[in-house]
Amino acid sequence: MQTLTQTLKQFVRDEDGVTAIEYGLIAALIAVVIIATVKTVGTNLSGVFSFIGSELA
């Protein structure tokens, strides 16, 4: 019974899993920002090339 109690106390104090989850959330947030930026820039760039093409014609 005492080893079970010690194991539970050690499990509660262990923060390695929490750190991994935090790094995962940070990576996911960075990915979302990159995707949104690329999508916005791509849409704007498409408009610029359409404008240039229409002005050249």
PDB file of N, CA and C in Angstrom:
ATOM      1  N   MET A   1       0.823  -1.193   0.000  1.00  0.00           N
ATOM      2  CA  MET A   1       0.000   0.000   0.000  1.00  0.00           C
ATOM      3  C   MET A   1       0.873   1.265   0.000  1.00  0.00           C
ATOM      4  N   GLN A   2       1.996   1.194   0.693  1.00  0.00           N
ATOM      5  CA  GLN A   2       2.875   2.352   0.772  1.00  0.00           C
ATOM      6  C   GLN A   2       3.518   2.645  -0.584  1.00  0.00           C
ATOM      7  N   THR A   3       3.866   1.612  -1.349  1.00  0.00           N
ATOM      8  CA  THR A   3       4.449   1.846  -2.669  1.00  0.00           C
ATOM      9  C   THR A   3       3.409   2.450  -3.615  1.00  0.00           C
ATOM     10  N   LEU A   4       2.160   2.076  -3.457  1.00  0.00           N
ATOM     11  CA  LEU A   4       1.097   2.665  -4.279  1.00  0.00           C
ATOM     12  C   LEU A   4       0.954   4.148  -3.961  1.00  0.00           C
ATOM     13  N   THR A   5       1.019   4.496  -2.714  1.00  0.00           N
ATOM     14  CA  THR A   5       0.928   5.898  -2.308  1.00  0.00           C
ATOM     15  C   THR A   5       2.114   6.692  -2.845  1.00  0.00           C
ATOM     16  N   GLN A   6       3.299   6.111  -2.739  1.00  0.00           N
ATOM     17  CA  GLN A   6       4.490   6.795  -3.255  1.00  0.00           C
ATOM     18  C   GLN A   6       4.409   6.956  -4.769  1.00  0.00           C
ATOM     19  N   THR A   7       3.914   5.945  -5.455  1.00  0.00           N
ATOM     20  CA  THR A   7       3.771   6.016  -6.904  1.00  0.00           C
ATOM     21  C   THR A   7       2.777   7.097  -7.296  1.00  0.00           C
ATOM     22  N   LEU A   8       1.669   7.206  -6.600  1.00  0.00           N
ATOM     23  CA  LEU A   8       0.680   8.243  -6.893  1.00  0.00           C
ATOM     24  C   LEU A   8       1.244   9.641  -6.639  1.00  0.00           C
ATOM     25  N   LYS A   9       1.986   9.804  -5.552  1.00  0.00           N
ATOM     26  CA  LYS A   9       2.597  11.098  -5.267  1.00  0.00           C
ATOM     27  C   LYS A   9       3.592  11.485  -6.355  1.00  0.00           C
ATOM     28  N   GLN A  10       4.380  10.518  -6.805  1.00  0.00           N
ATOM     29  CA  GLN A  10       5.354  10.786  -7.858  1.00  0.00           C
ATOM     30  C   GLN A  10       4.642  11.134  -9.163  1.00  0.00           C
ATOM     31  N   PHE A  11       3.543  10.470  -9.464  1.00  0.00           N
ATOM     32  CA  PHE A  11       2.778  10.742 -10.678  1.00  0.00           C
ATOM     33  C   PHE A  11       2.210  12.159 -10.648  1.00  0.00           C
ATOM     34  N   VAL A  12       1.714  12.596  -9.509  1.00  0.00           N
ATOM     35  CA  VAL A  12       1.144  13.935  -9.387  1.00  0.00           C
ATOM     36  C   VAL A  12       2.221  15.002  -9.530  1.00  0.00           C
ATOM     37  N   ARG A  13       3.415  14.741  -9.016  1.00  0.00           N
ATOM     38  CA  ARG A  13       4.510  15.714  -9.099  1.00  0.00           C
ATOM     39  C   ARG A  13       5.184  15.748 -10.463  1.00  0.00           C
ATOM     40  N   ASP A  14       5.030  14.701 -11.257  1.00  0.00           N
ATOM     41  CA  ASP A  14       5.688  14.620 -12.560  1.00  0.00           C
ATOM     42  C   ASP A  14       5.037  15.608 -13.525  1.00  0.00           C
ATOM     43  N   GLU A  15       5.841  16.515 -14.094  1.00  0.00           N
ATOM     44  CA  GLU A  15       5.313  17.541 -14.984  1.00  0.00           C
ATOM     45  C   GLU A  15       5.809  17.382 -16.420  1.00  0.00           C
ATOM     46  N   ASP A  16       6.440  16.283 -16.757  1.00  0.00           N
ATOM     47  CA  ASP A  16       6.953  16.099 -18.113  1.00  0.00           C
ATOM     48  C   ASP A  16       5.825  16.070 -19.137  1.00  0.00           C
ATOM     49  N   GLY A  17       4.734  15.425 -18.817  1.00  0.00           N
ATOM     50  CA  GLY A  17       3.603  15.364 -19.739  1.00  0.00           C
ATOM     51  C   GLY A  17       2.992  16.724 -19.980  1.00  0.00           C
ATOM     52  N   VAL A  18       2.918  17.542 -18.964  1.00  0.00           N
ATOM     53  CA  VAL A  18       2.367  18.890 -19.092  1.00  0.00           C
ATOM     54  C   VAL A  18       3.231  19.717 -20.029  1.00  0.00           C
ATOM     55  N   THR A  19       4.527  19.604 -19.905  1.00  0.00           N
ATOM     56  CA  THR A  19       5.437  20.352 -20.765  1.00  0.00           C
ATOM     57  C   THR A  19       5.267  19.931 -22.218  1.00  0.00           C
ATOM     58  N   ALA A  20       5.128  18.650 -22.465  1.00  0.00           N
ATOM     59  CA  ALA A  20       4.943  18.166 -23.833  1.00  0.00           C
ATOM     60  C   ALA A  20       3.635  18.692 -24.419  1.00  0.00           C
ATOM     61  N   ILE A  21       2.591  18.736 -23.615  1.00  0.00           N
ATOM     62  CA  ILE A  21       1.311  19.262 -24.090  1.00  0.00           C
ATOM     63  C   ILE A  21       1.441  20.748 -24.408  1.00  0.00           C
ATOM     64  N   GLU A  22       2.134  21.489 -23.577  1.00  0.00           N
ATOM     65  CA  GLU A  22       2.322  22.919 -23.833  1.00  0.00           C
ATOM     66  C   GLU A  22       3.091  23.144 -25.129  1.00  0.00           C
ATOM     67  N   TYR A  23       4.145  22.378 -25.357  1.00  0.00           N
ATOM     68  CA  TYR A  23       4.897  22.508 -26.605  1.00  0.00           C
ATOM     69  C   TYR A  23       4.023  22.150 -27.800  1.00  0.00           C
ATOM     70  N   GLY A  24       3.182  21.142 -27.658  1.00  0.00           N
ATOM     71  CA  GLY A  24       2.266  20.777 -28.737  1.00  0.00           C
ATOM     72  C   GLY A  24       1.282  21.887 -29.052  1.00  0.00           C
ATOM     73  N   LEU A  25       0.753  22.529 -28.021  1.00  0.00           N
ATOM     74  CA  LEU A  25      -0.182  23.640 -28.237  1.00  0.00           C
ATOM     75  C   LEU A  25       0.509  24.836 -28.889  1.00  0.00           C
ATOM     76  N   ILE A  26       1.727  25.118 -28.484  1.00  0.00           N
ATOM     77  CA  ILE A  26       2.474  26.214 -29.098  1.00  0.00           C
ATOM     78  C   ILE A  26       2.735  25.915 -30.573  1.00  0.00           C
ATOM     79  N   ALA A  27       3.134  24.695 -30.889  1.00  0.00           N
ATOM     80  CA  ALA A  27       3.388  24.316 -32.279  1.00  0.00           C
ATOM     81  C   ALA A  27       2.116  24.408 -33.112  1.00  0.00           C
ATOM     82  N   ALA A  28       0.984  23.998 -32.537  1.00  0.00           N
ATOM     83  CA  ALA A  28      -0.292  24.077 -33.259  1.00  0.00           C
ATOM     84  C   ALA A  28      -0.671  25.531 -33.515  1.00  0.00           C
ATOM     85  N   LEU A  29      -0.458  26.398 -32.544  1.00  0.00           N
ATOM     86  CA  LEU A  29      -0.772  27.818 -32.710  1.00  0.00           C
ATOM     87  C   LEU A  29       0.102  28.447 -33.796  1.00  0.00           C
ATOM     88  N   ILE A  30       1.372  28.110 -33.797  1.00  0.00           N
ATOM     89  CA  ILE A  30       2.279  28.633 -34.822  1.00  0.00           C
ATOM     90  C   ILE A  30       1.850  28.144 -36.205  1.00  0.00           C
ATOM     91  N   ALA A  31       1.448  26.884 -36.302  1.00  0.00           N
ATOM     92  CA  ALA A  31       0.992  26.343 -37.586  1.00  0.00           C
ATOM     93  C   ALA A  31      -0.256  27.069 -38.077  1.00  0.00           C
ATOM     94  N   VAL A  32      -1.189  27.356 -37.183  1.00  0.00           N
ATOM     95  CA  VAL A  32      -2.408  28.066 -37.578  1.00  0.00           C
ATOM     96  C   VAL A  32      -2.073  29.468 -38.084  1.00  0.00           C
ATOM     97  N   VAL A  33      -1.161  30.150 -37.408  1.00  0.00           N
ATOM     98  CA  VAL A  33      -0.766  31.494 -37.839  1.00  0.00           C
ATOM     99  C   VAL A  33      -0.096  31.445 -39.210  1.00  0.00           C
ATOM    100  N   ILE A  34       0.779  30.471 -39.421  1.00  0.00           N
ATOM    101  CA  ILE A  34       1.457  30.345 -40.717  1.00  0.00           C
ATOM    102  C   ILE A  34       0.452  30.060 -41.823  1.00  0.00           C
ATOM    103  N   ILE A  35      -0.485  29.155 -41.581  1.00  0.00           N
ATOM    104  CA  ILE A  35      -1.490  28.821 -42.596  1.00  0.00           C
ATOM    105  C   ILE A  35      -2.344  30.032 -42.940  1.00  0.00           C
ATOM    106  N   ALA A  36      -2.787  30.774 -41.923  1.00  0.00           N
ATOM    107  CA  ALA A  36      -3.613  31.959 -42.169  1.00  0.00           C
ATOM    108  C   ALA A  36      -2.842  33.022 -42.950  1.00  0.00           C
ATOM    109  N   THR A  37      -1.562  33.202 -42.614  1.00  0.00           N
ATOM    110  CA  THR A  37      -0.738  34.198 -43.305  1.00  0.00           C
ATOM    111  C   THR A  37      -0.523  33.813 -44.758  1.00  0.00           C
ATOM    112  N   VAL A  38      -0.203  32.568 -45.006  1.00  0.00           N
ATOM    113  CA  VAL A  38       0.035  32.117 -46.378  1.00  0.00           C
ATOM    114  C   VAL A  38      -1.241  32.229 -47.204  1.00  0.00           C
ATOM    115  N   LYS A  39      -2.366  31.900 -46.602  1.00  0.00           N
ATOM    116  CA  LYS A  39      -3.632  32.001 -47.329  1.00  0.00           C
ATOM    117  C   LYS A  39      -3.939  33.457 -47.687  1.00  0.00           C
ATOM    118  N   THR A  40      -3.739  34.369 -46.748  1.00  0.00           N
ATOM    119  CA  THR A  40      -3.992  35.793 -47.003  1.00  0.00           C
ATOM    120  C   THR A  40      -3.043  36.342 -48.059  1.00  0.00           C
ATOM    121  N   VAL A  41      -1.770  36.040 -47.929  1.00  0.00           N
ATOM    122  CA  VAL A  41      -0.784  36.523 -48.897  1.00  0.00           C
ATOM    123  C   VAL A  41      -1.069  35.934 -50.273  1.00  0.00           C
ATOM    124  N   GLY A  42      -1.439  34.674 -50.331  1.00  0.00           N
ATOM    125  CA  GLY A  42      -1.750  34.037 -51.606  1.00  0.00           C
ATOM    126  C   GLY A  42      -2.927  34.692 -52.296  1.00  0.00           C
ATOM    127  N   THR A  43      -3.964  35.020 -51.539  1.00  0.00           N
ATOM    128  CA  THR A  43      -5.134  35.678 -52.108  1.00  0.00           C
ATOM    129  C   THR A  43      -4.766  37.073 -52.609  1.00  0.00           C
ATOM    130  N   ASN A  44      -4.026  37.817 -51.808  1.00  0.00           N
ATOM    131  CA  ASN A  44      -3.607  39.159 -52.231  1.00  0.00           C
ATOM    132  C   ASN A  44      -2.682  39.099 -53.437  1.00  0.00           C
ATOM    133  N   LEU A  45      -1.785  38.146 -53.461  1.00  0.00           N
ATOM    134  CA  LEU A  45      -0.852  38.003 -54.572  1.00  0.00           C
ATOM    135  C   LEU A  45      -1.585  37.644 -55.856  1.00  0.00           C
ATOM    136  N   SER A  46      -2.595  36.819 -55.750  1.00  0.00           N
ATOM    137  CA  SER A  46      -3.407  36.470 -56.916  1.00  0.00           C
ATOM    138  C   SER A  46      -4.087  37.718 -57.472  1.00  0.00           C
ATOM    139  N   GLY A  47      -4.589  38.566 -56.583  1.00  0.00           N
ATOM    140  CA  GLY A  47      -5.212  39.820 -57.037  1.00  0.00           C
ATOM    141  C   GLY A  47      -4.217  40.736 -57.723  1.00  0.00           C
ATOM    142  N   VAL A  48      -3.010  40.799 -57.209  1.00  0.00           N
ATOM    143  CA  VAL A  48      -1.971  41.644 -57.814  1.00  0.00           C
ATOM    144  C   VAL A  48      -1.630  41.153 -59.218  1.00  0.00           C
ATOM    145  N   PHE A  49      -1.452  39.845 -59.369  1.00  0.00           N
ATOM    146  CA  PHE A  49      -1.122  39.307 -60.682  1.00  0.00           C
ATOM    147  C   PHE A  49      -2.288  39.487 -61.669  1.00  0.00           C
ATOM    148  N   SER A  50      -3.510  39.392 -61.211  1.00  0.00           N
ATOM    149  CA  SER A  50      -4.669  39.636 -62.077  1.00  0.00           C
ATOM    150  C   SER A  50      -4.683  41.083 -62.538  1.00  0.00           C
ATOM    151  N   PHE A  51      -4.411  41.995 -61.613  1.00  0.00           N
ATOM    152  CA  PHE A  51      -4.356  43.424 -61.972  1.00  0.00           C
ATOM    153  C   PHE A  51      -3.264  43.692 -62.992  1.00  0.00           C
ATOM    154  N   ILE A  52      -2.075  43.143 -62.762  1.00  0.00           N
ATOM    155  CA  ILE A  52      -0.961  43.337 -63.688  1.00  0.00           C
ATOM    156  C   ILE A  52      -1.296  42.764 -65.064  1.00  0.00           C
ATOM    157  N   GLY A  53      -1.900  41.576 -65.067  1.00  0.00           N
ATOM    158  CA  GLY A  53      -2.281  40.956 -66.339  1.00  0.00           C
ATOM    159  C   GLY A  53      -3.301  41.774 -67.105  1.00  0.00           C
ATOM    160  N   SER A  54      -4.263  42.340 -66.390  1.00  0.00           N
ATOM    161  CA  SER A  54      -5.275  43.151 -67.074  1.00  0.00           C
ATOM    162  C   SER A  54      -4.695  44.479 -67.577  1.00  0.00           C
ATOM    163  N   GLU A  55      -3.745  45.038 -66.863  1.00  0.00           N
ATOM    164  CA  GLU A  55      -3.117  46.282 -67.301  1.00  0.00           C
ATOM    165  C   GLU A  55      -2.206  46.059 -68.498  1.00  0.00           C
ATOM    166  N   LEU A  56      -1.572  44.899 -68.592  1.00  0.00           N
ATOM    167  CA  LEU A  56      -0.688  44.609 -69.717  1.00  0.00           C
ATOM    168  C   LEU A  56      -1.474  44.325 -71.000  1.00  0.00           C
ATOM    169  N   ALA A  57      -2.664  43.785 -70.837  1.00  0.00           N
ATOM    170  CA  ALA A  57      -3.487  43.437 -72.020  1.00  0.00           C
ATOM    171  C   ALA A  57      -4.156  44.654 -72.555  1.00  0.00           C
TER     172      ALA A  57
END
